[in-house]
Amino acid sequence: MCHHDSMSDDDRYRRFNLRIPKDLFERLQKEADARSHSMNAEIVQRLRRSIEHDDFQREHWEDQKKIFEEQEEKMHDDLVAADNYYNRQMELDVLSQGLTDEDILDMLRQRMIKTTKRRG
């Protein structure tokens, strides 16, 4: 009785027919010849690299997305803090200068104009 420690090719590989455009076939054949690979080895290698690249992109996209969301949240918090500071400064100006209602409306108009220009 013979015992094999490794799997046979039939266990590790699956055969299937593939139809591809002639120009792609010729390009793959040329690349395989240049690397001294069989056409099969060339295709398997390229498919494997493509799938690994997709996995890498997917993993890193999630990391980048999380970093972006954290930065976006921090920017939002910074803008809210700056806005609160500006509003508090305006309140202090109003209290310390004894401004009239018309002065306050003018300040608010100026602030709205500045905010609109920054966003535009």
N, C-alpha and C. Protein backbone atom coordinates (compact mmCIF):
# COMPACT_ATOMS: atom_id res chain seq x y z
N MET A 1 0.83 -1.17 0.00
CA MET A 1 0.00 0.00 0.00
C MET A 1 0.89 1.24 0.00
N CYS A 2 0.63 2.10 -0.90
CA CYS A 2 1.45 3.29 -1.08
C CYS A 2 0.75 4.48 -0.43
N HIS A 3 1.47 5.24 0.38
CA HIS A 3 0.88 6.41 1.06
C HIS A 3 1.52 7.67 0.52
N HIS A 4 0.70 8.62 0.07
CA HIS A 4 1.20 9.89 -0.46
C HIS A 4 0.99 10.99 0.56
N ASP A 5 2.08 11.74 0.86
CA ASP A 5 1.98 12.85 1.81
C ASP A 5 1.42 14.11 1.16
N SER A 6 1.54 14.22 -0.13
CA SER A 6 1.06 15.43 -0.79
C SER A 6 -0.18 15.13 -1.61
N MET A 7 -0.94 16.18 -1.85
CA MET A 7 -2.15 16.03 -2.66
C MET A 7 -1.76 15.88 -4.13
N SER A 8 -2.58 15.16 -4.87
CA SER A 8 -2.34 15.04 -6.30
C SER A 8 -2.80 16.32 -6.99
N ASP A 9 -2.36 16.51 -8.22
CA ASP A 9 -2.76 17.68 -8.99
C ASP A 9 -4.28 17.76 -9.12
N ASP A 10 -4.93 16.61 -9.24
CA ASP A 10 -6.39 16.59 -9.37
C ASP A 10 -7.06 17.15 -8.12
N ASP A 11 -6.43 16.99 -6.96
CA ASP A 11 -6.99 17.51 -5.72
C ASP A 11 -6.75 19.01 -5.55
N ARG A 12 -5.66 19.52 -6.11
CA ARG A 12 -5.28 20.92 -5.93
C ARG A 12 -5.78 21.84 -7.03
N TYR A 13 -6.07 21.29 -8.18
CA TYR A 13 -6.44 22.11 -9.33
C TYR A 13 -7.79 21.69 -9.89
N ARG A 14 -8.43 22.61 -10.53
CA ARG A 14 -9.68 22.34 -11.22
C ARG A 14 -9.51 22.79 -12.66
N ARG A 15 -9.94 21.98 -13.59
CA ARG A 15 -9.85 22.31 -15.01
C ARG A 15 -11.15 22.94 -15.47
N PHE A 16 -11.02 23.90 -16.41
CA PHE A 16 -12.19 24.47 -17.05
C PHE A 16 -11.74 25.10 -18.36
N ASN A 17 -12.67 25.24 -19.27
CA ASN A 17 -12.37 25.86 -20.55
C ASN A 17 -12.56 27.37 -20.43
N LEU A 18 -11.70 28.10 -21.10
CA LEU A 18 -11.75 29.54 -21.05
C LEU A 18 -11.68 30.09 -22.47
N ARG A 19 -12.61 30.95 -22.81
CA ARG A 19 -12.56 31.61 -24.10
C ARG A 19 -12.14 33.05 -23.86
N ILE A 20 -11.10 33.48 -24.54
CA ILE A 20 -10.64 34.86 -24.40
C ILE A 20 -10.38 35.43 -25.79
N PRO A 21 -10.42 36.74 -25.92
CA PRO A 21 -10.15 37.35 -27.22
C PRO A 21 -8.74 36.97 -27.71
N LYS A 22 -8.61 36.84 -29.04
CA LYS A 22 -7.33 36.43 -29.63
C LYS A 22 -6.19 37.37 -29.27
N ASP A 23 -6.46 38.68 -29.27
CA ASP A 23 -5.38 39.62 -28.97
C ASP A 23 -4.89 39.46 -27.52
N LEU A 24 -5.80 39.17 -26.59
CA LEU A 24 -5.41 38.95 -25.21
C LEU A 24 -4.62 37.64 -25.09
N PHE A 25 -5.07 36.62 -25.81
CA PHE A 25 -4.35 35.34 -25.81
C PHE A 25 -2.91 35.53 -26.29
N GLU A 26 -2.77 36.27 -27.39
CA GLU A 26 -1.43 36.50 -27.95
C GLU A 26 -0.56 37.30 -26.98
N ARG A 27 -1.15 38.27 -26.32
CA ARG A 27 -0.40 39.07 -25.34
C ARG A 27 0.05 38.20 -24.17
N LEU A 28 -0.85 37.38 -23.67
CA LEU A 28 -0.50 36.48 -22.57
C LEU A 28 0.58 35.49 -22.98
N GLN A 29 0.47 34.98 -24.19
CA GLN A 29 1.47 34.03 -24.69
C GLN A 29 2.84 34.70 -24.77
N LYS A 30 2.87 35.92 -25.27
CA LYS A 30 4.12 36.67 -25.39
C LYS A 30 4.73 36.90 -24.00
N GLU A 31 3.89 37.28 -23.02
CA GLU A 31 4.37 37.51 -21.65
C GLU A 31 4.85 36.21 -21.02
N ALA A 32 4.14 35.14 -21.24
CA ALA A 32 4.54 33.83 -20.70
C ALA A 32 5.89 33.40 -21.28
N ASP A 33 6.04 33.58 -22.58
CA ASP A 33 7.31 33.21 -23.24
C ASP A 33 8.47 34.04 -22.69
N ALA A 34 8.22 35.33 -22.48
CA ALA A 34 9.27 36.22 -21.98
C ALA A 34 9.71 35.82 -20.58
N ARG A 35 8.81 35.24 -19.80
CA ARG A 35 9.14 34.83 -18.43
C ARG A 35 9.44 33.34 -18.33
N SER A 36 9.46 32.68 -19.46
CA SER A 36 9.68 31.22 -19.50
C SER A 36 8.66 30.47 -18.66
N HIS A 37 7.42 30.96 -18.72
CA HIS A 37 6.31 30.29 -18.03
C HIS A 37 5.43 29.60 -19.05
N SER A 38 4.68 28.63 -18.57
CA SER A 38 3.62 28.10 -19.42
C SER A 38 2.49 29.13 -19.45
N MET A 39 1.65 29.02 -20.42
CA MET A 39 0.50 29.92 -20.51
C MET A 39 -0.35 29.78 -19.25
N ASN A 40 -0.55 28.57 -18.80
CA ASN A 40 -1.34 28.32 -17.60
C ASN A 40 -0.71 29.02 -16.39
N ALA A 41 0.59 28.87 -16.20
CA ALA A 41 1.28 29.49 -15.06
C ALA A 41 1.15 31.01 -15.12
N GLU A 42 1.26 31.57 -16.31
CA GLU A 42 1.14 33.01 -16.49
C GLU A 42 -0.25 33.50 -16.08
N ILE A 43 -1.27 32.81 -16.53
CA ILE A 43 -2.64 33.21 -16.22
C ILE A 43 -2.92 33.06 -14.73
N VAL A 44 -2.50 31.94 -14.14
CA VAL A 44 -2.71 31.72 -12.70
C VAL A 44 -2.01 32.80 -11.89
N GLN A 45 -0.76 33.11 -12.25
CA GLN A 45 -0.01 34.13 -11.54
C GLN A 45 -0.69 35.50 -11.63
N ARG A 46 -1.15 35.85 -12.82
CA ARG A 46 -1.82 37.14 -12.99
C ARG A 46 -3.16 37.19 -12.26
N LEU A 47 -3.91 36.13 -12.28
CA LEU A 47 -5.17 36.09 -11.53
C LEU A 47 -4.92 36.21 -10.03
N ARG A 48 -3.93 35.48 -9.55
CA ARG A 48 -3.61 35.53 -8.12
C ARG A 48 -3.21 36.95 -7.69
N ARG A 49 -2.34 37.59 -8.50
CA ARG A 49 -1.93 38.97 -8.18
C ARG A 49 -3.12 39.92 -8.19
N SER A 50 -4.00 39.75 -9.14
CA SER A 50 -5.18 40.60 -9.24
C SER A 50 -6.07 40.45 -8.01
N ILE A 51 -6.31 39.23 -7.58
CA ILE A 51 -7.15 38.98 -6.42
C ILE A 51 -6.48 39.49 -5.15
N GLU A 52 -5.17 39.26 -5.01
CA GLU A 52 -4.45 39.77 -3.84
C GLU A 52 -4.48 41.30 -3.80
N HIS A 53 -4.35 41.91 -4.98
CA HIS A 53 -4.42 43.37 -5.06
C HIS A 53 -5.80 43.87 -4.62
N ASP A 54 -6.86 43.20 -5.07
CA ASP A 54 -8.22 43.57 -4.67
C ASP A 54 -8.39 43.44 -3.16
N ASP A 55 -7.87 42.34 -2.58
CA ASP A 55 -7.96 42.15 -1.13
C ASP A 55 -7.23 43.26 -0.39
N PHE A 56 -6.03 43.59 -0.87
CA PHE A 56 -5.22 44.64 -0.26
C PHE A 56 -5.96 45.98 -0.32
N GLN A 57 -6.51 46.29 -1.49
CA GLN A 57 -7.26 47.55 -1.67
C GLN A 57 -8.46 47.60 -0.72
N ARG A 58 -9.17 46.50 -0.64
CA ARG A 58 -10.36 46.44 0.21
C ARG A 58 -9.98 46.67 1.67
N GLU A 59 -8.93 45.99 2.15
CA GLU A 59 -8.48 46.14 3.53
C GLU A 59 -8.04 47.56 3.81
N HIS A 60 -7.24 48.12 2.91
CA HIS A 60 -6.72 49.47 3.14
C HIS A 60 -7.78 50.53 2.92
N TRP A 61 -8.76 50.26 2.09
CA TRP A 61 -9.84 51.21 1.89
C TRP A 61 -10.60 51.40 3.20
N GLU A 62 -10.85 50.31 3.91
CA GLU A 62 -11.55 50.42 5.19
C GLU A 62 -10.74 51.24 6.18
N ASP A 63 -9.41 51.03 6.20
CA ASP A 63 -8.53 51.81 7.08
C ASP A 63 -8.59 53.29 6.71
N GLN A 64 -8.46 53.58 5.41
CA GLN A 64 -8.48 54.96 4.94
C GLN A 64 -9.83 55.62 5.22
N LYS A 65 -10.89 54.86 5.04
CA LYS A 65 -12.23 55.39 5.28
C LYS A 65 -12.39 55.76 6.76
N LYS A 66 -11.89 54.91 7.65
CA LYS A 66 -11.97 55.18 9.09
C LYS A 66 -11.17 56.44 9.45
N ILE A 67 -9.96 56.56 8.90
CA ILE A 67 -9.13 57.74 9.16
C ILE A 67 -9.83 58.99 8.66
N PHE A 68 -10.39 58.92 7.46
CA PHE A 68 -11.10 60.07 6.89
C PHE A 68 -12.28 60.47 7.78
N GLU A 69 -13.05 59.49 8.23
CA GLU A 69 -14.20 59.78 9.07
C GLU A 69 -13.77 60.42 10.39
N GLU A 70 -12.65 59.93 10.97
CA GLU A 70 -12.14 60.52 12.20
C GLU A 70 -11.69 61.96 11.98
N GLN A 71 -11.00 62.21 10.85
CA GLN A 71 -10.55 63.57 10.53
C GLN A 71 -11.75 64.48 10.29
N GLU A 72 -12.74 63.97 9.60
CA GLU A 72 -13.94 64.75 9.32
C GLU A 72 -14.65 65.13 10.63
N GLU A 73 -14.73 64.17 11.55
CA GLU A 73 -15.36 64.44 12.84
C GLU A 73 -14.57 65.48 13.63
N LYS A 74 -13.23 65.37 13.60
CA LYS A 74 -12.39 66.34 14.31
C LYS A 74 -12.55 67.73 13.70
N MET A 75 -12.57 67.81 12.35
CA MET A 75 -12.77 69.10 11.70
C MET A 75 -14.11 69.70 12.10
N HIS A 76 -15.13 68.86 12.13
CA HIS A 76 -16.46 69.34 12.53
C HIS A 76 -16.41 69.87 13.95
N ASP A 77 -15.79 69.11 14.86
CA ASP A 77 -15.67 69.55 16.26
C ASP A 77 -14.90 70.86 16.35
N ASP A 78 -13.81 70.99 15.58
CA ASP A 78 -13.02 72.23 15.58
C ASP A 78 -13.84 73.41 15.07
N LEU A 79 -14.64 73.17 14.01
CA LEU A 79 -15.49 74.25 13.48
C LEU A 79 -16.56 74.66 14.49
N VAL A 80 -17.14 73.69 15.17
CA VAL A 80 -18.15 74.01 16.18
C VAL A 80 -17.50 74.80 17.31
N ALA A 81 -16.30 74.37 17.74
CA ALA A 81 -15.60 75.08 18.80
C ALA A 81 -15.26 76.51 18.37
N ALA A 82 -14.81 76.68 17.14
CA ALA A 82 -14.48 78.01 16.63
C ALA A 82 -15.74 78.87 16.55
N ASP A 83 -16.82 78.28 16.10
CA ASP A 83 -18.08 79.01 16.01
C ASP A 83 -18.56 79.42 17.40
N ASN A 84 -18.47 78.51 18.36
CA ASN A 84 -18.86 78.83 19.73
C ASN A 84 -18.00 79.95 20.30
N TYR A 85 -16.70 79.88 20.02
CA TYR A 85 -15.78 80.92 20.50
C TYR A 85 -16.16 82.27 19.89
N TYR A 86 -16.41 82.27 18.59
CA TYR A 86 -16.78 83.51 17.89
C TYR A 86 -18.08 84.08 18.47
N ASN A 87 -19.06 83.21 18.70
CA ASN A 87 -20.34 83.66 19.27
C ASN A 87 -20.14 84.23 20.67
N ARG A 88 -19.31 83.58 21.45
CA ARG A 88 -19.05 84.06 22.81
C ARG A 88 -18.34 85.42 22.76
N GLN A 89 -17.39 85.57 21.84
CA GLN A 89 -16.71 86.85 21.70
C GLN A 89 -17.70 87.95 21.31
N MET A 90 -18.63 87.61 20.44
CA MET A 90 -19.63 88.57 20.02
C MET A 90 -20.53 88.95 21.20
N GLU A 91 -20.90 87.96 22.00
CA GLU A 91 -21.71 88.24 23.19
C GLU A 91 -20.97 89.18 24.14
N LEU A 92 -19.67 88.91 24.32
CA LEU A 92 -18.86 89.76 25.20
C LEU A 92 -18.77 91.19 24.64
N ASP A 93 -18.62 91.30 23.31
CA ASP A 93 -18.59 92.62 22.67
C ASP A 93 -19.89 93.37 22.94
N VAL A 94 -21.00 92.65 22.78
CA VAL A 94 -22.31 93.25 22.99
C VAL A 94 -22.43 93.75 24.43
N LEU A 95 -22.03 92.90 25.36
CA LEU A 95 -22.15 93.26 26.78
C LEU A 95 -21.22 94.40 27.17
N SER A 96 -19.97 94.34 26.66
CA SER A 96 -18.99 95.34 27.08
C SER A 96 -19.16 96.68 26.39
N GLN A 97 -19.74 96.68 25.21
CA GLN A 97 -19.82 97.92 24.45
C GLN A 97 -21.20 98.56 24.51
N GLY A 98 -22.14 97.91 25.12
CA GLY A 98 -23.47 98.47 25.19
C GLY A 98 -24.06 98.71 23.81
N LEU A 99 -23.93 97.73 22.90
CA LEU A 99 -24.39 97.89 21.52
C LEU A 99 -25.91 97.91 21.44
N THR A 100 -26.40 98.63 20.45
CA THR A 100 -27.84 98.69 20.21
C THR A 100 -28.26 97.47 19.41
N ASP A 101 -29.56 97.27 19.32
CA ASP A 101 -30.10 96.16 18.53
C ASP A 101 -29.65 96.27 17.07
N GLU A 102 -29.60 97.51 16.56
CA GLU A 102 -29.16 97.73 15.18
C GLU A 102 -27.70 97.35 15.00
N ASP A 103 -26.85 97.65 15.98
CA ASP A 103 -25.43 97.26 15.93
C ASP A 103 -25.30 95.74 15.91
N ILE A 104 -26.09 95.09 16.72
CA ILE A 104 -26.05 93.62 16.79
C ILE A 104 -26.48 93.02 15.45
N LEU A 105 -27.55 93.57 14.86
CA LEU A 105 -28.00 93.07 13.55
C LEU A 105 -26.93 93.28 12.49
N ASP A 106 -26.24 94.40 12.52
CA ASP A 106 -25.13 94.66 11.60
C ASP A 106 -24.03 93.62 11.76
N MET A 107 -23.67 93.33 13.00
CA MET A 107 -22.62 92.33 13.25
C MET A 107 -23.04 90.97 12.70
N LEU A 108 -24.31 90.62 12.92
CA LEU A 108 -24.80 89.33 12.42
C LEU A 108 -24.78 89.29 10.89
N ARG A 109 -25.17 90.39 10.24
CA ARG A 109 -25.13 90.45 8.77
C ARG A 109 -23.70 90.27 8.27
N GLN A 110 -22.76 90.97 8.90
CA GLN A 110 -21.34 90.86 8.51
C GLN A 110 -20.85 89.43 8.68
N ARG A 111 -21.26 88.82 9.77
CA ARG A 111 -20.84 87.43 10.02
C ARG A 111 -21.40 86.49 8.96
N MET A 112 -22.66 86.68 8.60
CA MET A 112 -23.28 85.83 7.57
C MET A 112 -22.58 86.02 6.23
N ILE A 113 -22.20 87.25 5.90
CA ILE A 113 -21.50 87.51 4.64
C ILE A 113 -20.15 86.79 4.65
N LYS A 114 -19.40 86.88 5.75
CA LYS A 114 -18.09 86.20 5.86
C LYS A 114 -18.26 84.69 5.74
N THR A 115 -19.26 84.14 6.42
CA THR A 115 -19.50 82.69 6.38
C THR A 115 -19.86 82.23 4.98
N THR A 116 -20.70 83.00 4.29
CA THR A 116 -21.10 82.67 2.92
C THR A 116 -19.89 82.69 1.98
N LYS A 117 -19.04 83.69 2.14
CA LYS A 117 -17.85 83.78 1.28
C LYS A 117 -16.91 82.62 1.52
N ARG A 118 -16.75 82.20 2.79
CA ARG A 118 -15.86 81.07 3.09
C ARG A 118 -16.37 79.78 2.48
N ARG A 119 -17.65 79.60 2.48
CA ARG A 119 -18.24 78.36 1.94
C ARG A 119 -18.29 78.36 0.43
N GLY A 120 -18.36 79.53 -0.16
CA GLY A 120 -18.51 79.65 -1.61
C GLY A 120 -17.23 79.56 -2.29
